[in-house]
């Protein structure tokens, strides 16, 4: 029998909309998404962790504090939060590469593919980027199109632009 973790859902206000944070009893972050995408978050928790019900509340104090500091302009505030991303080995490599992109900078999908040693896997990198369940902390918003334009972001392009501006000190 599979050991299903007990996961907690908390709602956190941010300047770009309410966010949902999912943690386990140790305070490890399993998901972070915008409240208007709650069905997607719940689907990912079922697929990745076998969890249908999320208890409200939970040990999210450190995550709340880190998010508040990040949105106040401390780009490094999220760097040391403990995460459980789930996913395949390939996806985890992509998500780790995302976390290595310096604050305020961007990379293309091709550059990410190069960074993980899979230069021909550009489309797979894009799919892994889109499957990221921990928005902002695993900064998929730092990925842009080959021509330098903003490309799809699960939270919406306006939020992506806002986050990039925040990290560049423009907000």
N, C-alpha and C. Protein backbone atom coordinates (compact mmCIF):
# COMPACT_ATOMS: atom_id res chain seq x y z
N UNK A 1 0.83 -1.19 0.00
CA UNK A 1 0.00 0.00 0.00
C UNK A 1 0.88 1.25 0.00
N UNK A 2 0.51 2.21 -0.83
CA UNK A 2 1.26 3.45 -0.97
C UNK A 2 1.02 4.36 0.23
N UNK A 3 2.09 4.96 0.72
CA UNK A 3 1.99 5.88 1.84
C UNK A 3 1.59 7.26 1.30
N UNK A 4 0.37 7.70 1.57
CA UNK A 4 -0.14 8.98 1.08
C UNK A 4 0.12 10.03 2.16
N UNK A 5 0.83 11.11 1.80
CA UNK A 5 1.13 12.14 2.81
C UNK A 5 -0.12 12.95 3.15
N UNK A 6 -0.14 13.48 4.38
CA UNK A 6 -1.19 14.43 4.73
C UNK A 6 -0.71 15.79 4.28
N UNK A 7 -1.50 16.41 3.42
CA UNK A 7 -1.13 17.72 2.88
C UNK A 7 -2.13 18.77 3.33
N UNK A 8 -1.61 19.96 3.54
CA UNK A 8 -2.39 21.09 4.03
C UNK A 8 -2.44 22.18 2.97
N UNK A 9 -3.59 22.81 2.84
CA UNK A 9 -3.79 23.91 1.90
C UNK A 9 -4.02 25.19 2.68
N UNK A 10 -3.27 26.22 2.33
CA UNK A 10 -3.46 27.53 2.95
C UNK A 10 -3.58 28.57 1.85
N UNK A 11 -4.27 29.65 2.15
CA UNK A 11 -4.47 30.73 1.19
C UNK A 11 -3.68 31.94 1.66
N UNK A 12 -2.87 32.48 0.75
CA UNK A 12 -1.97 33.58 1.07
C UNK A 12 -2.22 34.72 0.10
N UNK A 13 -2.42 35.91 0.64
CA UNK A 13 -2.63 37.08 -0.22
C UNK A 13 -1.29 37.54 -0.78
N UNK A 14 -1.32 37.99 -2.04
CA UNK A 14 -0.13 38.55 -2.67
C UNK A 14 -0.55 39.76 -3.50
N UNK A 15 0.38 40.58 -3.92
CA UNK A 15 0.03 41.75 -4.74
C UNK A 15 -0.55 41.38 -6.10
N UNK A 16 -0.39 40.13 -6.52
CA UNK A 16 -0.90 39.73 -7.84
C UNK A 16 -1.98 38.66 -7.73
N UNK A 17 -2.61 38.62 -6.59
CA UNK A 17 -3.73 37.71 -6.39
C UNK A 17 -3.47 36.68 -5.31
N UNK A 18 -4.56 36.14 -4.81
CA UNK A 18 -4.45 35.13 -3.76
C UNK A 18 -3.72 33.90 -4.29
N UNK A 19 -2.84 33.36 -3.43
CA UNK A 19 -2.08 32.17 -3.80
C UNK A 19 -2.46 31.03 -2.88
N UNK A 20 -2.33 29.83 -3.40
CA UNK A 20 -2.59 28.62 -2.63
C UNK A 20 -1.26 27.93 -2.39
N UNK A 21 -0.98 27.59 -1.14
CA UNK A 21 0.25 26.89 -0.82
C UNK A 21 -0.12 25.56 -0.16
N UNK A 22 0.51 24.50 -0.65
CA UNK A 22 0.29 23.16 -0.11
C UNK A 22 1.58 22.71 0.56
N UNK A 23 1.47 22.36 1.84
CA UNK A 23 2.62 21.87 2.59
C UNK A 23 2.25 20.56 3.27
N UNK A 24 3.30 19.84 3.68
CA UNK A 24 3.06 18.64 4.48
C UNK A 24 3.25 19.00 5.96
N UNK A 25 3.16 18.01 6.83
CA UNK A 25 3.22 18.28 8.27
C UNK A 25 4.56 18.85 8.71
N UNK A 26 5.60 18.65 7.89
CA UNK A 26 6.93 19.20 8.21
C UNK A 26 7.12 20.61 7.67
N UNK A 27 6.14 21.13 6.94
CA UNK A 27 6.25 22.45 6.35
C UNK A 27 6.91 22.46 4.99
N UNK A 28 7.13 21.27 4.40
CA UNK A 28 7.73 21.17 3.07
C UNK A 28 6.68 21.57 2.03
N UNK A 29 7.05 22.42 1.09
CA UNK A 29 6.13 22.91 0.06
C UNK A 29 5.99 21.86 -1.04
N UNK A 30 4.73 21.49 -1.33
CA UNK A 30 4.42 20.56 -2.41
C UNK A 30 3.80 21.27 -3.61
N UNK A 31 3.20 22.43 -3.37
CA UNK A 31 2.58 23.18 -4.47
C UNK A 31 2.39 24.63 -4.05
N UNK A 32 2.45 25.50 -5.05
CA UNK A 32 2.13 26.92 -4.88
C UNK A 32 1.55 27.37 -6.21
N UNK A 33 0.35 27.90 -6.16
CA UNK A 33 -0.31 28.33 -7.39
C UNK A 33 -1.26 29.46 -7.05
N UNK A 34 -1.79 30.09 -8.07
CA UNK A 34 -2.76 31.17 -7.88
C UNK A 34 -4.15 30.58 -7.66
N UNK A 35 -4.93 31.23 -6.81
CA UNK A 35 -6.24 30.71 -6.41
C UNK A 35 -7.18 30.51 -7.60
N UNK A 36 -7.02 31.32 -8.65
CA UNK A 36 -7.90 31.14 -9.80
C UNK A 36 -7.57 29.87 -10.59
N UNK A 37 -6.53 29.14 -10.18
CA UNK A 37 -6.18 27.87 -10.81
C UNK A 37 -6.26 26.71 -9.81
N UNK A 38 -7.14 26.85 -8.84
CA UNK A 38 -7.26 25.82 -7.80
C UNK A 38 -7.60 24.44 -8.36
N UNK A 39 -8.48 24.32 -9.35
CA UNK A 39 -8.76 22.97 -9.87
C UNK A 39 -7.49 22.28 -10.42
N UNK A 40 -6.63 23.05 -11.09
CA UNK A 40 -5.39 22.48 -11.60
C UNK A 40 -4.50 22.02 -10.45
N UNK A 41 -4.38 22.81 -9.41
CA UNK A 41 -3.56 22.45 -8.25
C UNK A 41 -4.08 21.16 -7.62
N UNK A 42 -5.37 21.07 -7.43
CA UNK A 42 -5.94 19.85 -6.82
C UNK A 42 -5.72 18.62 -7.72
N UNK A 43 -5.83 18.81 -9.03
CA UNK A 43 -5.58 17.70 -9.96
C UNK A 43 -4.13 17.23 -9.85
N UNK A 44 -3.19 18.17 -9.80
CA UNK A 44 -1.78 17.80 -9.66
C UNK A 44 -1.51 17.07 -8.35
N UNK A 45 -2.17 17.47 -7.28
CA UNK A 45 -1.97 16.80 -5.99
C UNK A 45 -2.50 15.36 -6.03
N UNK A 46 -3.61 15.15 -6.77
CA UNK A 46 -4.13 13.79 -6.94
C UNK A 46 -3.16 12.95 -7.78
N UNK A 47 -2.67 13.52 -8.88
CA UNK A 47 -1.79 12.79 -9.78
C UNK A 47 -0.43 12.50 -9.15
N UNK A 48 0.16 13.47 -8.50
CA UNK A 48 1.52 13.32 -7.98
C UNK A 48 1.60 12.67 -6.63
N UNK A 49 0.58 12.89 -5.80
CA UNK A 49 0.67 12.42 -4.41
C UNK A 49 -0.48 11.51 -4.00
N UNK A 50 -1.45 11.31 -4.89
CA UNK A 50 -2.59 10.47 -4.55
C UNK A 50 -3.49 11.08 -3.49
N UNK A 51 -3.44 12.39 -3.35
CA UNK A 51 -4.20 13.08 -2.30
C UNK A 51 -5.44 13.73 -2.92
N UNK A 52 -6.61 13.33 -2.44
CA UNK A 52 -7.86 13.92 -2.93
C UNK A 52 -8.31 15.08 -2.05
N UNK A 53 -8.09 14.94 -0.76
CA UNK A 53 -8.53 15.96 0.18
C UNK A 53 -7.33 16.68 0.77
N UNK A 54 -7.43 17.99 0.80
CA UNK A 54 -6.39 18.81 1.42
C UNK A 54 -6.99 19.45 2.66
N UNK A 55 -6.36 19.27 3.80
CA UNK A 55 -6.82 19.90 5.03
C UNK A 55 -6.54 21.39 4.95
N UNK A 56 -7.43 22.20 5.49
CA UNK A 56 -7.23 23.65 5.46
C UNK A 56 -6.28 24.06 6.59
N UNK A 57 -5.43 25.04 6.30
CA UNK A 57 -4.50 25.56 7.31
C UNK A 57 -3.15 24.91 7.15
N UNK A 58 -2.61 24.45 8.25
CA UNK A 58 -1.33 23.74 8.21
C UNK A 58 -0.14 24.59 8.56
N UNK A 59 1.04 23.98 8.54
CA UNK A 59 2.27 24.65 8.94
C UNK A 59 2.87 25.49 7.83
N UNK A 60 2.26 26.64 7.55
CA UNK A 60 2.73 27.45 6.43
C UNK A 60 3.38 28.76 6.87
N UNK A 61 3.61 28.95 8.17
CA UNK A 61 4.20 30.19 8.65
C UNK A 61 5.48 30.58 7.93
N UNK A 62 6.46 29.68 7.83
CA UNK A 62 7.69 30.04 7.14
C UNK A 62 7.48 30.38 5.65
N UNK A 63 6.55 29.69 5.00
CA UNK A 63 6.28 29.97 3.60
C UNK A 63 5.61 31.34 3.47
N UNK A 64 4.66 31.63 4.35
CA UNK A 64 4.00 32.94 4.35
C UNK A 64 5.02 34.06 4.52
N UNK A 65 5.93 33.88 5.49
CA UNK A 65 6.95 34.90 5.76
C UNK A 65 7.87 35.08 4.56
N UNK A 66 8.27 33.97 3.93
CA UNK A 66 9.16 34.04 2.77
C UNK A 66 8.45 34.72 1.59
N UNK A 67 7.18 34.40 1.37
CA UNK A 67 6.44 35.04 0.28
C UNK A 67 6.29 36.54 0.54
N UNK A 68 5.99 36.92 1.78
CA UNK A 68 5.87 38.34 2.12
C UNK A 68 7.18 39.06 1.84
N UNK A 69 8.29 38.47 2.23
CA UNK A 69 9.60 39.08 1.99
C UNK A 69 9.90 39.18 0.50
N UNK A 70 9.58 38.13 -0.24
CA UNK A 70 9.80 38.12 -1.69
C UNK A 70 9.00 39.25 -2.35
N UNK A 71 7.72 39.34 -2.03
CA UNK A 71 6.89 40.37 -2.65
C UNK A 71 7.24 41.77 -2.17
N UNK A 72 7.97 41.88 -1.05
CA UNK A 72 8.46 43.17 -0.57
C UNK A 72 9.79 43.53 -1.23
N UNK A 73 10.31 42.63 -2.09
CA UNK A 73 11.51 42.95 -2.83
C UNK A 73 12.74 42.12 -2.53
N UNK A 74 12.65 41.18 -1.58
CA UNK A 74 13.79 40.31 -1.28
C UNK A 74 13.73 39.09 -2.20
N UNK A 75 14.41 39.19 -3.33
CA UNK A 75 14.35 38.13 -4.35
C UNK A 75 14.88 36.79 -3.84
N UNK A 76 15.71 36.80 -2.82
CA UNK A 76 16.30 35.55 -2.32
C UNK A 76 15.46 34.88 -1.23
N UNK A 77 14.38 35.49 -0.83
CA UNK A 77 13.59 35.00 0.31
C UNK A 77 13.04 33.59 0.13
N UNK A 78 12.85 33.16 -1.10
CA UNK A 78 12.26 31.84 -1.37
C UNK A 78 13.30 30.75 -1.59
N UNK A 79 14.56 31.14 -1.67
CA UNK A 79 15.61 30.21 -2.08
C UNK A 79 15.81 29.00 -1.17
N UNK A 80 15.59 29.15 0.12
CA UNK A 80 15.90 28.06 1.04
C UNK A 80 14.69 27.29 1.54
N UNK A 81 13.52 27.56 0.97
CA UNK A 81 12.33 26.81 1.40
C UNK A 81 12.47 25.35 0.98
N UNK A 82 12.13 24.42 1.86
CA UNK A 82 12.19 23.00 1.48
C UNK A 82 11.03 22.66 0.54
N UNK A 83 11.35 21.90 -0.51
CA UNK A 83 10.36 21.56 -1.55
C UNK A 83 10.29 20.07 -1.77
N UNK A 84 9.12 19.62 -2.19
CA UNK A 84 8.92 18.25 -2.68
C UNK A 84 8.20 18.40 -4.01
N UNK A 85 8.95 18.33 -5.10
CA UNK A 85 8.37 18.60 -6.42
C UNK A 85 7.67 17.39 -7.03
N UNK A 86 8.06 16.18 -6.62
CA UNK A 86 7.54 15.01 -7.31
C UNK A 86 8.08 15.03 -8.73
N UNK A 87 7.38 14.41 -9.65
CA UNK A 87 7.77 14.43 -11.05
C UNK A 87 8.81 13.39 -11.41
N UNK A 88 9.09 13.32 -12.70
CA UNK A 88 10.08 12.38 -13.22
C UNK A 88 11.48 12.93 -13.00
N UNK A 89 12.47 12.08 -13.24
CA UNK A 89 13.86 12.53 -13.11
C UNK A 89 14.15 13.70 -14.06
N UNK A 90 13.63 13.61 -15.29
CA UNK A 90 13.82 14.68 -16.27
C UNK A 90 13.17 15.98 -15.78
N UNK A 91 11.92 15.89 -15.31
CA UNK A 91 11.23 17.08 -14.82
C UNK A 91 11.99 17.71 -13.66
N UNK A 92 12.45 16.88 -12.74
CA UNK A 92 13.19 17.41 -11.59
C UNK A 92 14.48 18.11 -12.04
N UNK A 93 15.12 17.60 -13.08
CA UNK A 93 16.32 18.26 -13.61
C UNK A 93 15.98 19.64 -14.17
N UNK A 94 14.87 19.72 -14.89
CA UNK A 94 14.43 21.01 -15.44
C UNK A 94 14.10 21.97 -14.30
N UNK A 95 13.36 21.50 -13.31
CA UNK A 95 12.96 22.38 -12.20
C UNK A 95 14.18 22.85 -11.40
N UNK A 96 15.17 22.00 -11.26
CA UNK A 96 16.41 22.39 -10.58
C UNK A 96 17.12 23.47 -11.42
N UNK A 97 17.13 23.31 -12.73
CA UNK A 97 17.75 24.31 -13.61
C UNK A 97 17.00 25.64 -13.53
N UNK A 98 15.69 25.58 -13.38
CA UNK A 98 14.91 26.81 -13.20
C UNK A 98 15.35 27.56 -11.95
N UNK A 99 15.55 26.82 -10.87
CA UNK A 99 15.96 27.44 -9.62
C UNK A 99 17.37 28.03 -9.70
N UNK A 100 18.15 27.59 -10.68
CA UNK A 100 19.51 28.10 -10.84
C UNK A 100 19.56 29.39 -11.68
N UNK A 101 18.46 29.77 -12.31
CA UNK A 101 18.44 31.02 -13.07
C UNK A 101 18.52 32.17 -12.08
N UNK A 102 19.49 33.05 -12.22
CA UNK A 102 19.63 34.16 -11.27
C UNK A 102 18.39 35.05 -11.25
N UNK A 103 18.10 35.60 -10.09
CA UNK A 103 16.97 36.51 -9.92
C UNK A 103 17.11 37.69 -10.89
N UNK A 104 15.99 38.04 -11.51
CA UNK A 104 15.97 39.17 -12.43
C UNK A 104 16.46 38.84 -13.82
N UNK A 105 16.85 37.58 -14.06
CA UNK A 105 17.31 37.18 -15.38
C UNK A 105 16.32 36.18 -15.98
N UNK A 106 16.46 35.96 -17.28
CA UNK A 106 15.61 35.00 -17.97
C UNK A 106 16.49 34.05 -18.78
N UNK A 107 15.89 32.95 -19.18
CA UNK A 107 16.53 31.97 -20.05
C UNK A 107 15.48 31.49 -21.05
N UNK A 108 15.94 31.03 -22.19
CA UNK A 108 15.03 30.43 -23.17
C UNK A 108 14.91 28.94 -22.87
N UNK A 109 13.93 28.32 -23.50
CA UNK A 109 13.77 26.88 -23.36
C UNK A 109 15.02 26.16 -23.86
N UNK A 110 15.60 26.65 -24.94
CA UNK A 110 16.82 26.06 -25.48
C UNK A 110 17.99 26.16 -24.50
N UNK A 111 18.11 27.30 -23.84
CA UNK A 111 19.18 27.45 -22.85
C UNK A 111 18.98 26.50 -21.67
N UNK A 112 17.72 26.29 -21.28
CA UNK A 112 17.45 25.33 -20.21
C UNK A 112 17.80 23.92 -20.64
N UNK A 113 17.46 23.58 -21.87
CA UNK A 113 17.79 22.25 -22.38
C UNK A 113 19.31 22.05 -22.37
N UNK A 114 20.05 23.06 -22.78
CA UNK A 114 21.52 23.00 -22.73
C UNK A 114 22.00 22.83 -21.30
N UNK A 115 21.40 23.57 -20.37
CA UNK A 115 21.83 23.55 -18.98
C UNK A 115 21.70 22.17 -18.34
N UNK A 116 20.72 21.39 -18.80
CA UNK A 116 20.56 20.04 -18.22
C UNK A 116 21.25 18.97 -19.07
N UNK A 117 22.00 19.41 -20.07
CA UNK A 117 22.73 18.46 -20.90
C UNK A 117 21.90 17.73 -21.93
N UNK A 118 20.73 18.30 -22.27
CA UNK A 118 19.83 17.68 -23.25
C UNK A 118 19.45 18.72 -24.31
N UNK A 119 20.41 19.18 -25.12
CA UNK A 119 20.17 20.30 -26.02
C UNK A 119 19.07 20.10 -27.06
N UNK A 120 18.72 18.86 -27.36
CA UNK A 120 17.66 18.62 -28.35
C UNK A 120 16.29 18.44 -27.70
N UNK A 121 16.22 18.54 -26.40
CA UNK A 121 14.97 18.28 -25.68
C UNK A 121 14.19 19.57 -25.38
N UNK A 122 14.23 20.52 -26.28
CA UNK A 122 13.61 21.82 -26.04
C UNK A 122 12.11 21.69 -25.77
N UNK A 123 11.41 20.91 -26.55
CA UNK A 123 9.95 20.75 -26.34
C UNK A 123 9.66 20.04 -25.02
N UNK A 124 10.46 19.03 -24.70
CA UNK A 124 10.27 18.33 -23.42
C UNK A 124 10.54 19.27 -22.25
N UNK A 125 11.52 20.15 -22.40
CA UNK A 125 11.79 21.15 -21.36
C UNK A 125 10.57 22.05 -21.20
N UNK A 126 9.97 22.45 -22.31
CA UNK A 126 8.77 23.28 -22.24
C UNK A 126 7.63 22.57 -21.53
N UNK A 127 7.45 21.29 -21.81
CA UNK A 127 6.40 20.52 -21.13
C UNK A 127 6.68 20.39 -19.64
N UNK A 128 7.94 20.14 -19.28
CA UNK A 128 8.30 20.04 -17.87
C UNK A 128 8.08 21.37 -17.17
N UNK A 129 8.44 22.45 -17.84
CA UNK A 129 8.23 23.78 -17.29
C UNK A 129 6.74 24.00 -17.00
N UNK A 130 5.90 23.59 -17.93
CA UNK A 130 4.46 23.75 -17.77
C UNK A 130 3.86 22.84 -16.71
N UNK A 131 4.56 21.77 -16.35
CA UNK A 131 4.07 20.83 -15.33
C UNK A 131 4.53 21.20 -13.92
N UNK A 132 5.24 22.29 -13.80
CA UNK A 132 5.72 22.75 -12.50
C UNK A 132 4.54 23.10 -11.59
N UNK A 133 4.49 22.48 -10.42
CA UNK A 133 3.38 22.74 -9.47
C UNK A 133 3.74 23.77 -8.41
N UNK A 134 4.98 24.25 -8.43
CA UNK A 134 5.42 25.17 -7.37
C UNK A 134 5.82 26.50 -8.00
N UNK A 135 4.79 27.26 -8.42
CA UNK A 135 5.02 28.54 -9.07
C UNK A 135 5.83 29.47 -8.17
N UNK A 136 6.50 30.39 -8.79
CA UNK A 136 7.30 31.44 -8.16
C UNK A 136 8.55 30.87 -7.47
N UNK A 137 8.38 29.88 -6.59
CA UNK A 137 9.54 29.30 -5.89
C UNK A 137 10.40 28.52 -6.88
N UNK A 138 9.78 27.72 -7.73
CA UNK A 138 10.46 27.11 -8.88
C UNK A 138 10.08 28.04 -10.03
N UNK A 139 10.97 28.99 -10.36
CA UNK A 139 10.60 30.17 -11.15
C UNK A 139 10.43 29.95 -12.65
N UNK A 140 9.38 29.26 -13.03
CA UNK A 140 9.11 29.03 -14.44
C UNK A 140 8.78 30.35 -15.15
N UNK A 141 8.49 31.41 -14.38
CA UNK A 141 8.23 32.71 -14.99
C UNK A 141 9.50 33.32 -15.61
N UNK A 142 10.67 32.76 -15.30
CA UNK A 142 11.93 33.28 -15.83
C UNK A 142 12.27 32.70 -17.21
N UNK A 143 11.38 31.92 -17.79
CA UNK A 143 11.63 31.32 -19.10
C UNK A 143 10.87 32.12 -20.16
N UNK A 144 11.60 32.46 -21.22
CA UNK A 144 11.04 33.26 -22.31
C UNK A 144 11.22 32.53 -23.63
N UNK A 145 10.59 33.05 -24.66
CA UNK A 145 10.71 32.46 -25.98
C UNK A 145 12.08 32.74 -26.60
N UNK A 146 12.40 31.99 -27.61
CA UNK A 146 13.68 32.11 -28.31
C UNK A 146 13.94 33.53 -28.80
N UNK A 147 12.86 34.23 -29.20
CA UNK A 147 13.01 35.59 -29.72
C UNK A 147 12.98 36.66 -28.63
N UNK A 148 12.97 36.23 -27.36
CA UNK A 148 13.01 37.17 -26.25
C UNK A 148 11.65 37.63 -25.77
N UNK A 149 10.58 37.13 -26.37
CA UNK A 149 9.25 37.54 -25.95
C UNK A 149 8.76 36.67 -24.79
N UNK A 150 7.82 37.22 -24.05
CA UNK A 150 7.19 36.44 -22.99
C UNK A 150 6.33 35.37 -23.65
N UNK A 151 6.46 34.16 -23.15
CA UNK A 151 5.65 33.05 -23.65
C UNK A 151 4.74 32.59 -22.54
N UNK A 152 3.90 31.62 -22.83
CA UNK A 152 2.90 31.15 -21.90
C UNK A 152 3.38 30.99 -20.47
N UNK A 153 2.52 31.35 -19.56
CA UNK A 153 2.77 31.19 -18.13
C UNK A 153 1.45 30.77 -17.52
N UNK A 154 1.46 29.69 -16.75
CA UNK A 154 0.22 29.15 -16.21
C UNK A 154 -0.55 30.17 -15.37
N UNK A 155 0.15 31.11 -14.77
CA UNK A 155 -0.52 32.15 -13.97
C UNK A 155 -0.96 33.34 -14.77
N UNK A 156 -0.66 33.35 -16.08
CA UNK A 156 -1.03 34.46 -16.95
C UNK A 156 0.17 35.35 -17.25
N UNK A 157 0.23 35.88 -18.47
CA UNK A 157 1.36 36.69 -18.89
C UNK A 157 1.50 37.99 -18.09
N UNK A 158 0.39 38.57 -17.64
CA UNK A 158 0.48 39.80 -16.84
C UNK A 158 1.21 39.52 -15.53
N UNK A 159 0.93 38.39 -14.90
CA UNK A 159 1.64 38.02 -13.67
C UNK A 159 3.11 37.74 -13.96
N UNK A 160 3.38 37.07 -15.05
CA UNK A 160 4.76 36.76 -15.42
C UNK A 160 5.55 38.07 -15.56
N UNK A 161 5.01 39.02 -16.29
CA UNK A 161 5.66 40.32 -16.47
C UNK A 161 5.87 41.00 -15.12
N UNK A 162 4.87 40.97 -14.26
CA UNK A 162 4.95 41.60 -12.94
C UNK A 162 6.07 40.96 -12.12
N UNK A 163 6.15 39.63 -12.10
CA UNK A 163 7.19 38.93 -11.33
C UNK A 163 8.58 39.27 -11.86
N UNK A 164 8.75 39.31 -13.16
CA UNK A 164 10.05 39.66 -13.73
C UNK A 164 10.43 41.09 -13.37
N UNK A 165 9.47 42.00 -13.41
CA UNK A 165 9.74 43.39 -13.02
C UNK A 165 10.11 43.48 -11.55
N UNK A 166 9.41 42.73 -10.71
CA UNK A 166 9.73 42.72 -9.28
C UNK A 166 11.17 42.27 -9.06
N UNK A 167 11.56 41.19 -9.72
CA UNK A 167 12.90 40.64 -9.52
C UNK A 167 13.98 41.55 -10.11
N UNK A 168 13.63 42.39 -11.03
CA UNK A 168 14.61 43.34 -11.59
C UNK A 168 14.64 44.64 -10.79
N UNK A 169 13.82 44.72 -9.74
CA UNK A 169 13.78 45.94 -8.93
C UNK A 169 13.00 47.07 -9.57
N UNK A 170 12.12 46.75 -10.52
CA UNK A 170 11.33 47.75 -11.23
C UNK A 170 9.96 47.99 -10.59
N UNK A 171 9.68 47.31 -9.48
CA UNK A 171 8.39 47.47 -8.79
C UNK A 171 8.65 47.88 -7.37
